[in-house]
Amino acid sequence: MPTPDAKQFSEQWVNAWNAHDIEAVLEHFHDDVIFTSPVAARVLPETQGVIAGKGALRHYWTTALKSLPDLHFEIVGVYRGESTLVINYRNHLGGLVNEVLTFDEDGKVREGHGAHTWMQTFTYPAAQNDALTVSPLAPSKTVESDSHRPRLAGLHHFGISVADLERSVRFYCDVLGGDLLVAETPEGEDQRRFPGRAAILSLGGQVFDLCEHSSNAGEPFDPVRTGLDHFALEEPRNNVRLRRS
């Protein structure tokens, strides 16, 4: 299958994105395209990160752009394979992303994947025993095996409440070396999660959220107060996440 000219395609691709021209980007995609992205799973949770068809891809990108008015890409490198192009770019938040695109015989993208730096999740080994002994800190008893009880794979992600989102992002990225993956919906545009702002980061292979709540008036850190906003556990058997606030 033919592979488009890497330079020409990547220039058209980045120019269309920087102009926020979704239709110009979609011109290169097949009607039955399959596109996957961890960001899609956050923007449209019902997709579980898999977008099927050009219409659905248009909806995903249009929805995402509403919360990213400053979106801008800078190409770092372009790599050409058999029927495949990989565009390595840096987004407006400083995060590095690879766009992996596979083309059909007509030069249209049939499959695409957005891969973000360190966007994997650390998981703990599965339990070896059906009966688990509870810590002495809890009531002393044995928890018997239960087919309805979740068999957790580990931590999916967690969220930290912060007083100043920008300052916290700079600390985790500039001081600790983390990667900023995406900034979520600003206050007032989407109240589905909470009234406020959030950013998604990755550090040492672990994805986490920074959550700035509108009700937080910039209060200083207090070591005796709980700082965890939420955490989510992965249950692969049922493909669900268990949350605890």
Protein backbone atom coordinates (compact mmCIF):
# COMPACT_ATOMS: atom_id res chain seq x y z
CA MET A 1 0.00 0.00 0.00
CA PRO A 2 1.26 3.51 -0.75
CA THR A 3 2.58 5.80 1.96
CA PRO A 4 2.02 9.56 1.54
CA ASP A 5 4.97 11.91 1.30
CA ALA A 6 5.97 12.38 4.93
CA LYS A 7 6.91 16.06 4.68
CA GLN A 8 3.87 17.12 2.67
CA PHE A 9 1.38 15.15 4.77
CA SER A 10 2.78 16.25 8.14
CA GLU A 11 2.81 19.92 7.08
CA GLN A 12 -0.81 19.73 5.93
CA TRP A 13 -1.74 17.87 9.11
CA VAL A 14 -0.12 20.33 11.53
CA ASN A 15 -1.34 23.39 9.63
CA ALA A 16 -4.91 22.11 9.75
CA TRP A 17 -4.68 21.40 13.47
CA ASN A 18 -3.13 24.76 14.27
CA ALA A 19 -5.94 26.43 12.33
CA HIS A 20 -8.43 24.34 14.36
CA ASP A 21 -9.82 23.16 10.99
CA ILE A 22 -11.22 19.74 11.86
CA GLU A 23 -12.66 19.20 8.39
CA ALA A 24 -9.24 19.75 6.80
CA VAL A 25 -7.75 17.13 9.13
CA LEU A 26 -10.58 14.69 8.40
CA GLU A 27 -10.02 14.94 4.64
CA HIS A 28 -7.16 12.47 5.08
CA PHE A 29 -9.26 9.91 6.98
CA HIS A 30 -11.37 7.04 5.66
CA ASP A 31 -15.08 6.98 6.52
CA ASP A 32 -14.57 3.74 8.47
CA VAL A 33 -11.44 4.82 10.31
CA ILE A 34 -10.64 3.43 13.76
CA PHE A 35 -8.83 5.83 16.07
CA THR A 36 -7.65 5.18 19.62
CA SER A 37 -6.41 7.62 22.25
CA PRO A 38 -6.20 7.74 26.05
CA VAL A 39 -7.42 11.33 25.82
CA ALA A 40 -10.57 10.16 24.02
CA ALA A 41 -11.28 7.96 27.03
CA ARG A 42 -11.23 11.07 29.23
CA VAL A 43 -13.16 13.39 26.89
CA LEU A 44 -15.77 10.76 25.95
CA PRO A 45 -15.65 8.05 28.65
CA GLU A 46 -18.31 5.98 26.92
CA THR A 47 -15.90 5.27 24.02
CA GLN A 48 -13.29 3.68 26.30
CA GLY A 49 -10.71 5.38 24.11
CA VAL A 50 -11.79 3.80 20.81
CA ILE A 51 -13.40 6.01 18.16
CA ALA A 52 -15.05 4.20 15.23
CA GLY A 53 -15.88 6.08 12.02
CA LYS A 54 -15.21 9.55 10.68
CA GLY A 55 -18.43 10.95 12.16
CA ALA A 56 -17.50 9.81 15.64
CA LEU A 57 -13.96 11.13 15.17
CA ARG A 58 -15.36 14.51 14.15
CA HIS A 59 -17.50 14.55 17.33
CA TYR A 60 -14.53 13.64 19.55
CA TRP A 61 -12.16 16.24 18.12
CA THR A 62 -14.84 18.96 18.06
CA THR A 63 -15.73 18.24 21.68
CA ALA A 64 -12.06 18.27 22.75
CA LEU A 65 -11.34 21.56 20.95
CA LYS A 66 -14.09 23.34 22.88
CA SER A 67 -11.97 23.02 26.03
CA LEU A 68 -8.63 23.69 24.29
CA PRO A 69 -8.89 27.13 22.66
CA ASP A 70 -5.09 27.54 22.76
CA LEU A 71 -4.33 24.19 21.13
CA HIS A 72 -1.19 24.33 19.01
CA PHE A 73 1.14 21.59 17.74
CA GLU A 74 4.85 21.73 16.94
CA ILE A 75 6.27 18.80 14.97
CA VAL A 76 9.37 17.24 16.52
CA GLY A 77 9.91 14.46 13.97
CA VAL A 78 8.15 12.43 11.27
CA TYR A 79 8.87 8.74 10.64
CA ARG A 80 7.87 6.75 7.55
CA GLY A 81 7.15 3.04 7.40
CA GLU A 82 5.24 0.69 5.12
CA SER A 83 1.80 2.29 4.76
CA THR A 84 2.50 4.07 8.05
CA LEU A 85 3.51 7.52 9.22
CA VAL A 86 4.40 8.43 12.80
CA ILE A 87 4.18 12.13 13.63
CA ASN A 88 5.99 13.04 16.84
CA TYR A 89 4.83 16.43 18.10
CA ARG A 90 4.68 18.65 21.16
CA ASN A 91 1.34 20.13 22.09
CA HIS A 92 0.64 23.58 23.52
CA LEU A 93 0.94 22.21 27.06
CA GLY A 94 4.44 20.89 26.44
CA GLY A 95 3.41 17.23 26.29
CA LEU A 96 5.01 14.91 23.73
CA VAL A 97 2.66 12.83 21.59
CA ASN A 98 3.03 10.33 18.75
CA GLU A 99 0.30 10.09 16.11
CA VAL A 100 0.58 6.67 14.44
CA LEU A 101 -1.33 6.59 11.14
CA THR A 102 -1.85 3.58 8.86
CA PHE A 103 -3.01 4.19 5.27
CA ASP A 104 -5.05 2.15 2.78
CA GLU A 105 -4.47 1.74 -0.96
CA ASP A 106 -6.20 5.07 -1.63
CA GLY A 107 -3.91 6.98 0.72
CA LYS A 108 -6.59 7.45 3.38
CA VAL A 109 -5.99 6.83 7.07
CA ARG A 110 -7.76 3.58 8.04
CA GLU A 111 -6.30 3.35 11.52
CA GLY A 112 -4.81 5.91 13.88
CA HIS A 113 -3.44 5.88 17.40
CA GLY A 114 -2.54 8.75 19.72
CA ALA A 115 0.28 7.67 22.05
CA HIS A 116 1.25 9.99 24.91
CA THR A 117 4.54 10.00 26.80
CA TRP A 118 4.49 7.55 29.72
CA MET A 119 0.74 7.06 29.43
CA GLN A 120 0.90 3.55 30.84
CA THR A 121 -0.55 2.57 34.20
CA PHE A 122 1.38 0.63 36.83
CA THR A 123 -0.48 -2.47 37.96
CA TYR A 124 0.16 -4.75 40.88
CA PRO A 125 0.49 -8.55 40.51
CA ALA A 126 -2.77 -10.43 40.78
CA ALA A 127 -3.52 -12.04 44.13
CA GLN A 128 -2.38 -15.66 44.34
CA ASN A 129 -4.88 -16.81 46.98
CA ASP A 130 -8.64 -16.86 46.96
CA ALA A 131 -8.73 -16.10 50.69
CA LEU A 132 -7.09 -12.87 51.84
CA THR A 133 -6.10 -12.13 55.42
CA VAL A 134 -7.07 -8.63 56.45
CA SER A 135 -4.47 -6.32 58.03
CA PRO A 136 -4.40 -6.24 61.86
CA LEU A 137 -5.54 -2.61 61.59
CA ALA A 138 -8.91 -3.92 60.42
CA PRO A 139 -11.23 -6.32 62.24
CA SER A 140 -9.40 -9.65 62.55
CA LYS A 141 -11.10 -12.05 60.15
CA THR A 142 -10.55 -13.79 56.84
CA VAL A 143 -12.30 -12.54 53.71
CA GLU A 144 -13.59 -15.58 51.85
CA SER A 145 -13.54 -15.94 48.07
CA ASP A 146 -16.53 -14.35 46.38
CA SER A 147 -17.15 -14.60 42.64
CA HIS A 148 -18.97 -11.27 42.76
CA ARG A 149 -16.14 -9.48 44.53
CA PRO A 150 -13.87 -7.40 42.22
CA ARG A 151 -10.47 -8.89 41.39
CA LEU A 152 -8.49 -5.70 41.12
CA ALA A 153 -5.54 -5.33 38.75
CA GLY A 154 -4.20 -2.29 40.60
CA LEU A 155 -4.31 1.47 40.65
CA HIS A 156 -5.61 3.14 37.48
CA HIS A 157 -5.04 6.77 38.46
CA PHE A 158 -5.47 9.17 41.36
CA GLY A 159 -6.32 12.84 41.81
CA ILE A 160 -4.80 15.47 44.09
CA SER A 161 -6.61 18.64 45.18
CA VAL A 162 -4.41 21.70 44.67
CA ALA A 163 -4.81 25.40 45.43
CA ASP A 164 -3.04 26.71 42.30
CA LEU A 165 -3.21 24.55 39.17
CA GLU A 166 -0.49 26.35 37.18
CA ARG A 167 1.96 26.37 40.09
CA SER A 168 1.35 22.67 40.77
CA VAL A 169 1.82 21.75 37.10
CA ARG A 170 5.15 23.60 37.07
CA PHE A 171 6.26 21.76 40.21
CA TYR A 172 5.42 18.27 38.97
CA CYS A 173 6.76 18.90 35.46
CA ASP A 174 9.69 21.31 35.89
CA VAL A 175 10.98 20.12 39.27
CA LEU A 176 10.08 16.43 39.32
CA GLY A 177 10.29 15.78 35.56
CA GLY A 178 6.69 14.77 34.91
CA ASP A 179 4.82 15.13 31.61
CA LEU A 180 1.71 17.24 31.15
CA LEU A 181 -0.69 15.12 29.10
CA VAL A 182 -3.80 17.25 28.85
CA ALA A 183 -5.61 20.17 30.45
CA GLU A 184 -9.27 19.44 30.97
CA THR A 185 -12.38 21.60 30.67
CA PRO A 186 -12.00 25.03 32.31
CA GLU A 187 -14.45 26.19 34.92
CA GLY A 188 -17.93 26.91 33.68
CA GLU A 189 -17.87 24.84 30.48
CA ASP A 190 -18.48 21.39 31.91
CA GLN A 191 -19.68 20.57 35.41
CA ARG A 192 -19.82 16.80 34.92
CA ARG A 193 -16.79 16.12 37.14
CA PHE A 194 -16.59 19.09 39.50
CA PRO A 195 -16.74 22.91 39.43
CA GLY A 196 -13.16 23.87 38.75
CA ARG A 197 -10.17 23.04 36.55
CA ALA A 198 -7.96 19.99 36.17
CA ALA A 199 -4.84 18.77 34.42
CA ILE A 200 -3.71 15.21 33.68
CA LEU A 201 -0.04 14.39 34.24
CA SER A 202 2.25 11.39 34.13
CA LEU A 203 5.23 10.82 36.39
CA GLY A 204 7.33 7.65 36.54
CA GLY A 205 4.73 5.71 34.58
CA GLN A 206 1.79 6.73 36.79
CA VAL A 207 -1.03 8.91 35.50
CA PHE A 208 -2.67 11.31 37.94
CA ASP A 209 -4.97 14.36 38.02
CA LEU A 210 -4.43 17.76 39.58
CA CYS A 211 -7.78 19.22 40.61
CA GLU A 212 -8.30 22.89 41.44
CA HIS A 213 -11.74 23.31 42.98
CA SER A 214 -13.60 26.61 42.69
CA SER A 215 -14.40 26.51 46.41
CA ASN A 216 -10.68 26.47 47.29
CA ALA A 217 -9.68 30.08 47.98
CA GLY A 218 -5.95 29.41 47.65
CA GLU A 219 -5.57 28.09 51.19
CA PRO A 220 -2.06 26.94 52.17
CA PHE A 221 -1.05 23.32 52.61
CA ASP A 222 -2.07 21.77 55.93
CA PRO A 223 -0.31 18.48 56.79
CA VAL A 224 -3.16 17.31 59.02
CA ARG A 225 -5.75 17.53 56.25
CA THR A 226 -6.32 14.90 53.59
CA GLY A 227 -5.03 16.03 50.21
CA LEU A 228 -6.24 13.17 48.04
CA ASP A 229 -9.14 14.17 45.79
CA HIS A 230 -9.91 10.69 44.47
CA PHE A 231 -8.39 7.46 43.23
CA ALA A 232 -9.58 4.85 40.72
CA LEU A 233 -8.87 1.11 40.81
CA GLU A 234 -8.83 -1.07 37.70
CA GLU A 235 -11.08 -4.13 37.51
CA PRO A 236 -10.15 -5.73 34.16
CA ARG A 237 -12.64 -8.58 34.33
CA ASN A 238 -15.62 -6.23 34.06
CA ASN A 239 -13.73 -3.37 32.41
CA VAL A 240 -14.84 -0.93 35.09
CA ARG A 241 -13.06 1.43 37.44
CA LEU A 242 -13.83 1.59 41.12
CA ARG A 243 -13.53 5.06 42.59
CA ARG A 244 -13.05 6.19 46.13
CA SER A 245 -13.20 9.87 47.05
